[in-house]
C-alpha atoms as a PDB file:
ATOM      1  CA  MET A   1      24.939  37.208 -16.855  1.00  0.00           C
ATOM      2  CA  HIS A   2      22.432  34.806 -18.870  1.00  0.00           C
ATOM      3  CA  ILE A   3      19.217  36.242 -17.334  1.00  0.00           C
ATOM      4  CA  ILE A   4      20.317  39.717 -18.320  1.00  0.00           C
ATOM      5  CA  LYS A   5      21.690  38.795 -22.191  1.00  0.00           C
ATOM      6  CA  SER A   6      18.154  36.994 -22.382  1.00  0.00           C
ATOM      7  CA  MET A   7      16.068  40.080 -21.482  1.00  0.00           C
ATOM      8  CA  ASN A   8      15.236  42.226 -24.579  1.00  0.00           C
ATOM      9  CA  GLN A   9      15.941  46.366 -24.192  1.00  0.00           C
ATOM     10  CA  ASN A  10      12.933  46.818 -22.236  1.00  0.00           C
ATOM     11  CA  GLY A  11      13.083  43.504 -20.112  1.00  0.00           C
ATOM     12  CA  ARG A  12      12.924  43.540 -16.796  1.00  0.00           C
ATOM     13  CA  ALA A  13      13.747  40.348 -14.371  1.00  0.00           C
ATOM     14  CA  GLY A  14      13.844  39.443 -10.826  1.00  0.00           C
ATOM     15  CA  VAL A  15      16.364  36.819  -9.396  1.00  0.00           C
ATOM     16  CA  VAL A  16      16.925  35.584  -6.498  1.00  0.00           C
ATOM     17  CA  VAL A  17      20.395  35.059  -5.354  1.00  0.00           C
ATOM     18  CA  PRO A  18      22.419  34.032  -2.220  1.00  0.00           C
ATOM     19  CA  HIS A  19      23.061  36.772  -0.039  1.00  0.00           C
ATOM     20  CA  GLY A  20      26.902  36.353  -0.456  1.00  0.00           C
ATOM     21  CA  VAL A  21      26.587  37.302  -4.299  1.00  0.00           C
ATOM     22  CA  LEU A  22      26.116  41.274  -3.317  1.00  0.00           C
ATOM     23  CA  PHE A  23      29.545  41.630  -1.723  1.00  0.00           C
ATOM     24  CA  ARG A  24      32.064  38.695  -2.361  1.00  0.00           C
ATOM     25  CA  GLY A  25      34.849  39.587  -4.855  1.00  0.00           C
ATOM     26  CA  GLY A  26      36.421  38.079  -7.764  1.00  0.00           C
ATOM     27  CA  SER A  27      34.405  37.076 -10.834  1.00  0.00           C
ATOM     28  CA  GLU A  28      31.421  38.076  -8.635  1.00  0.00           C
ATOM     29  CA  GLY A  29      32.907  41.440  -8.139  1.00  0.00           C
ATOM     30  CA  ARG A  30      33.576  41.972 -11.652  1.00  0.00           C
ATOM     31  CA  ILE A  31      29.937  41.125 -12.793  1.00  0.00           C
ATOM     32  CA  ARG A  32      28.293  43.468 -10.330  1.00  0.00           C
ATOM     33  CA  GLU A  33      30.564  46.250 -11.599  1.00  0.00           C
ATOM     34  CA  GLN A  34      29.684  45.857 -15.176  1.00  0.00           C
ATOM     35  CA  ILE A  35      25.597  45.310 -14.322  1.00  0.00           C
ATOM     36  CA  ILE A  36      26.143  48.560 -12.113  1.00  0.00           C
ATOM     37  CA  LYS A  37      28.036  50.485 -14.849  1.00  0.00           C
ATOM     38  CA  ASN A  38      25.656  49.347 -17.410  1.00  0.00           C
ATOM     39  CA  ASN A  39      22.762  50.791 -15.154  1.00  0.00           C
ATOM     40  CA  ILE A  40      20.587  47.727 -15.234  1.00  0.00           C
ATOM     41  CA  ILE A  41      19.971  47.062 -11.392  1.00  0.00           C
ATOM     42  CA  ASP A  42      16.822  48.671 -10.631  1.00  0.00           C
ATOM     43  CA  ALA A  43      16.613  47.538  -7.034  1.00  0.00           C
ATOM     44  CA  ILE A  44      17.955  44.825  -4.371  1.00  0.00           C
ATOM     45  CA  ILE A  45      15.784  43.462  -1.775  1.00  0.00           C
ATOM     46  CA  SER A  46      17.398  41.518   1.360  1.00  0.00           C
ATOM     47  CA  LEU A  47      15.315  38.796   2.432  1.00  0.00           C
ATOM     48  CA  PRO A  48      15.452  36.856   5.727  1.00  0.00           C
ATOM     49  CA  SER A  49      17.234  33.891   6.446  1.00  0.00           C
ATOM     50  CA  LYS A  50      15.582  30.534   6.271  1.00  0.00           C
ATOM     51  CA  LEU A  51      12.853  31.556   3.161  1.00  0.00           C
ATOM     52  CA  PHE A  52      13.456  28.711   1.150  1.00  0.00           C
ATOM     53  CA  TYR A  53      12.955  25.446   1.558  1.00  0.00           C
ATOM     54  CA  GLY A  54      16.360  23.349   2.336  1.00  0.00           C
ATOM     55  CA  THR A  55      18.859  26.430   3.018  1.00  0.00           C
ATOM     56  CA  GLY A  56      19.086  28.573   5.954  1.00  0.00           C
ATOM     57  CA  ILE A  57      21.150  31.313   4.025  1.00  0.00           C
ATOM     58  CA  PRO A  58      19.755  34.302   3.686  1.00  0.00           C
ATOM     59  CA  ALA A  59      18.917  35.699   0.153  1.00  0.00           C
ATOM     60  CA  ALA A  60      18.322  38.529  -1.895  1.00  0.00           C
ATOM     61  CA  ILE A  61      16.387  39.727  -4.927  1.00  0.00           C
ATOM     62  CA  PHE A  62      17.866  41.471  -7.655  1.00  0.00           C
ATOM     63  CA  ILE A  63      15.301  43.673  -9.859  1.00  0.00           C
ATOM     64  CA  PHE A  64      17.289  44.251 -13.164  1.00  0.00           C
ATOM     65  CA  ASN A  65      15.502  46.473 -15.737  1.00  0.00           C
ATOM     66  CA  LYS A  66      17.184  47.517 -19.190  1.00  0.00           C
ATOM     67  CA  ASN A  67      14.888  50.486 -20.087  1.00  0.00           C
ATOM     68  CA  LYS A  68      14.752  52.107 -16.516  1.00  0.00           C
ATOM     69  CA  PRO A  69      13.020  55.638 -16.213  1.00  0.00           C
ATOM     70  CA  GLU A  70      14.988  58.708 -16.285  1.00  0.00           C
ATOM     71  CA  ASN A  71      13.925  59.472 -12.679  1.00  0.00           C
ATOM     72  CA  LYS A  72      16.070  56.155 -11.598  1.00  0.00           C
ATOM     73  CA  LYS A  73      18.955  56.021 -13.880  1.00  0.00           C
ATOM     74  CA  GLY A  74      22.360  56.050 -11.862  1.00  0.00           C
ATOM     75  CA  LYS A  75      20.583  54.753  -8.932  1.00  0.00           C
ATOM     76  CA  ILE A  76      19.446  51.641  -7.263  1.00  0.00           C
ATOM     77  CA  LEU A  77      16.852  51.410  -4.672  1.00  0.00           C
ATOM     78  CA  PHE A  78      18.098  49.041  -1.826  1.00  0.00           C
ATOM     79  CA  ILE A  79      15.292  47.489   0.516  1.00  0.00           C
ATOM     80  CA  GLU A  80      15.767  46.087   3.801  1.00  0.00           C
ATOM     81  CA  ALA A  81      13.268  43.172   4.593  1.00  0.00           C
ATOM     82  CA  GLU A  82      15.422  41.034   6.573  1.00  0.00           C
ATOM     83  CA  LYS A  83      12.938  41.827   9.793  1.00  0.00           C
ATOM     84  CA  ASP A  84       9.815  41.288   8.382  1.00  0.00           C
ATOM     85  CA  TYR A  85       8.518  37.825   8.117  1.00  0.00           C
ATOM     86  CA  LEU A  86       6.817  34.818   9.899  1.00  0.00           C
ATOM     87  CA  GLU A  87       9.043  33.037  11.911  1.00  0.00           C
ATOM     88  CA  GLY A  88       8.520  29.027  11.624  1.00  0.00           C
ATOM     89  CA  LYS A  89      10.323  25.902  13.299  1.00  0.00           C
ATOM     90  CA  ASN A  90      12.347  25.156   9.976  1.00  0.00           C
ATOM     91  CA  GLN A  91      11.413  27.834   7.574  1.00  0.00           C
ATOM     92  CA  ASN A  92      10.345  31.417   7.426  1.00  0.00           C
ATOM     93  CA  THR A  93       7.639  32.924   5.946  1.00  0.00           C
ATOM     94  CA  LEU A  94       6.524  36.417   4.067  1.00  0.00           C
ATOM     95  CA  ARG A  95       3.166  37.471   5.314  1.00  0.00           C
ATOM     96  CA  VAL A  96       0.725  39.114   2.913  1.00  0.00           C
ATOM     97  CA  GLN A  97       1.698  42.496   4.752  1.00  0.00           C
ATOM     98  CA  ASP A  98       5.356  42.202   4.238  1.00  0.00           C
ATOM     99  CA  ILE A  99       5.176  41.506   0.572  1.00  0.00           C
ATOM    100  CA  ASP A 100       2.978  44.604   0.268  1.00  0.00           C
ATOM    101  CA  LYS A 101       5.528  46.831   2.120  1.00  0.00           C
ATOM    102  CA  ILE A 102       8.184  45.590  -0.070  1.00  0.00           C
ATOM    103  CA  VAL A 103       5.883  46.288  -3.110  1.00  0.00           C
ATOM    104  CA  LYS A 104       4.632  49.247  -2.037  1.00  0.00           C
ATOM    105  CA  ALA A 105       8.690  50.854  -1.137  1.00  0.00           C
ATOM    106  CA  TYR A 106       9.568  49.398  -4.717  1.00  0.00           C
ATOM    107  CA  ASP A 107       6.711  51.141  -6.302  1.00  0.00           C
ATOM    108  CA  ASP A 108       7.336  54.452  -4.926  1.00  0.00           C
ATOM    109  CA  TYR A 109      11.025  54.056  -4.791  1.00  0.00           C
ATOM    110  CA  LYS A 110      12.013  56.588  -2.254  1.00  0.00           C
ATOM    111  CA  ASN A 111      13.681  56.452   0.900  1.00  0.00           C
ATOM    112  CA  ILE A 112      12.174  55.159   3.949  1.00  0.00           C
ATOM    113  CA  GLU A 113      14.070  54.919   6.969  1.00  0.00           C
ATOM    114  CA  LYS A 114      15.391  51.657   8.334  1.00  0.00           C
ATOM    115  CA  PHE A 115      14.083  50.286   5.271  1.00  0.00           C
ATOM    116  CA  ALA A 116      14.459  51.683   2.004  1.00  0.00           C
ATOM    117  CA  ARG A 117      16.942  54.108   0.355  1.00  0.00           C
ATOM    118  CA  VAL A 118      17.806  55.264  -2.959  1.00  0.00           C
ATOM    119  CA  VAL A 119      21.281  55.082  -3.706  1.00  0.00           C
ATOM    120  CA  ASP A 120      23.456  57.024  -6.078  1.00  0.00           C
ATOM    121  CA  VAL A 121      25.620  54.485  -8.239  1.00  0.00           C
ATOM    122  CA  LYS A 122      28.492  56.893  -7.222  1.00  0.00           C
ATOM    123  CA  GLU A 123      28.316  55.951  -3.787  1.00  0.00           C
ATOM    124  CA  ILE A 124      28.341  52.062  -4.489  1.00  0.00           C
ATOM    125  CA  GLU A 125      31.444  52.766  -6.785  1.00  0.00           C
ATOM    126  CA  GLU A 126      33.122  54.103  -3.552  1.00  0.00           C
ATOM    127  CA  ASN A 127      32.340  51.031  -1.752  1.00  0.00           C
ATOM    128  CA  GLU A 128      34.191  49.308  -4.291  1.00  0.00           C
ATOM    129  CA  PHE A 129      30.691  47.823  -5.878  1.00  0.00           C
ATOM    130  CA  ASN A 130      29.610  46.265  -2.949  1.00  0.00           C
ATOM    131  CA  LEU A 131      25.969  45.873  -2.946  1.00  0.00           C
ATOM    132  CA  ASN A 132      25.275  44.615   0.828  1.00  0.00           C
ATOM    133  CA  VAL A 133      22.145  46.282   1.717  1.00  0.00           C
ATOM    134  CA  ARG A 134      23.152  46.989   5.649  1.00  0.00           C
ATOM    135  CA  ARG A 135      26.040  48.992   4.219  1.00  0.00           C
ATOM    136  CA  TYR A 136      23.288  51.121   2.435  1.00  0.00           C
ATOM    137  CA  ILE A 137      20.435  51.240   5.039  1.00  0.00           C
ATOM    138  CA  ASP A 138      21.025  51.357   8.826  1.00  0.00           C
ATOM    139  CA  SER A 139      18.050  49.501  10.158  1.00  0.00           C
ATOM    140  CA  ALA A 140      19.656  48.888  13.882  1.00  0.00           C
ATOM    141  CA  GLU A 141      17.143  49.868  16.770  1.00  0.00           C
ATOM    142  CA  THR A 142      18.052  52.488  18.820  1.00  0.00           C
ATOM    143  CA  GLU A 143      19.083  51.746  22.185  1.00  0.00           C
ATOM    144  CA  GLU A 144      17.173  53.193  25.088  1.00  0.00           C
ATOM    145  CA  ILE A 145      19.526  55.609  26.983  1.00  0.00           C
ATOM    146  CA  ILE A 146      19.698  54.779  30.613  1.00  0.00           C
ATOM    147  CA  ASP A 147      19.843  57.554  33.117  1.00  0.00           C
ATOM    148  CA  ILE A 148      22.335  55.602  35.558  1.00  0.00           C
ATOM    149  CA  LYS A 149      21.708  58.408  38.473  1.00  0.00           C
ATOM    150  CA  LYS A 150      17.937  57.586  38.240  1.00  0.00           C
ATOM    151  CA  VAL A 151      18.818  53.819  38.265  1.00  0.00           C
ATOM    152  CA  LEU A 152      20.940  54.073  41.204  1.00  0.00           C
ATOM    153  CA  VAL A 153      18.346  56.384  43.385  1.00  0.00           C
ATOM    154  CA  GLU A 154      15.797  53.431  42.262  1.00  0.00           C
ATOM    155  CA  LEU A 155      18.394  50.655  43.239  1.00  0.00           C
ATOM    156  CA  LYS A 156      19.242  52.414  46.908  1.00  0.00           C
ATOM    157  CA  ASP A 157      15.387  52.787  47.504  1.00  0.00           C
ATOM    158  CA  LEU A 158      14.951  48.847  47.159  1.00  0.00           C
ATOM    159  CA  GLU A 159      17.882  48.359  49.046  1.00  0.00           C
ATOM    160  CA  GLU A 160      16.073  50.022  51.449  1.00  0.00           C
ATOM    161  CA  GLU A 161      12.930  48.373  51.401  1.00  0.00           C
ATOM    162  CA  ARG A 162      14.486  45.005  51.682  1.00  0.00           C
ATOM    163  CA  GLU A 163      16.175  46.333  54.505  1.00  0.00           C
ATOM    164  CA  LYS A 164      12.822  46.994  56.037  1.00  0.00           C
ATOM    165  CA  ILE A 165      11.228  43.672  55.026  1.00  0.00           C
ATOM    166  CA  ASP A 166      14.093  41.840  56.461  1.00  0.00           C
ATOM    167  CA  LYS A 167      13.606  43.571  60.082  1.00  0.00           C
ATOM    168  CA  LYS A 168       9.866  42.693  59.611  1.00  0.00           C
ATOM    169  CA  VAL A 169      10.733  39.024  58.952  1.00  0.00           C
ATOM    170  CA  LYS A 170      13.031  38.803  61.595  1.00  0.00           C
ATOM    171  CA  ASN A 171      10.375  40.179  64.245  1.00  0.00           C
ATOM    172  CA  TYR A 172       7.892  37.810  63.291  1.00  0.00           C
ATOM    173  CA  ILE A 173      10.166  34.847  63.199  1.00  0.00           C
ATOM    174  CA  LYS A 174      11.030  36.439  67.067  1.00  0.00           C
ATOM    175  CA  GLU A 175       7.373  36.503  68.257  1.00  0.00           C
ATOM    176  CA  LEU A 176       7.045  32.977  66.892  1.00  0.00           C
ATOM    177  CA  LYS A 177      10.277  31.924  68.958  1.00  0.00           C
ATOM    178  CA  TYR A 178      11.997  30.529  66.035  1.00  0.00           C
END
């Protein structure tokens, strides 16, 4: 709240917060409700875990804008950048291409499948002002559909091949008189 109050009427700010701030209730929930209703949040960017030294928790960036253009009013851009990073032993790193992807999504302010989505504030209100990015962006990888009949046929063929090889091995052992 201090940062928002410190901004002038045309002010913009980016604030890094722990991921829990996006969805916890109580006073944090009431604060989220007010800044959403006051149309100050421009975007929320979820970041990978272990990005910041000394903590393994995932973080997010609130982008505040006290003077949103008309086309962005009543909307919040969600960017799910949790999967785009260079994994390190103790700390993960955003690469240049990861940062560029985030910046481009923010600049374009449009839906990008499994990465960014512009959400109407009404939908957020229906979700009790929960700003968890995963609630608004389905970034799960689609699983391959397995043809069970085909797999069973392949398994049967492999079993038959194994039996043929077993017979050959037994014949070789027999010939060697073991």
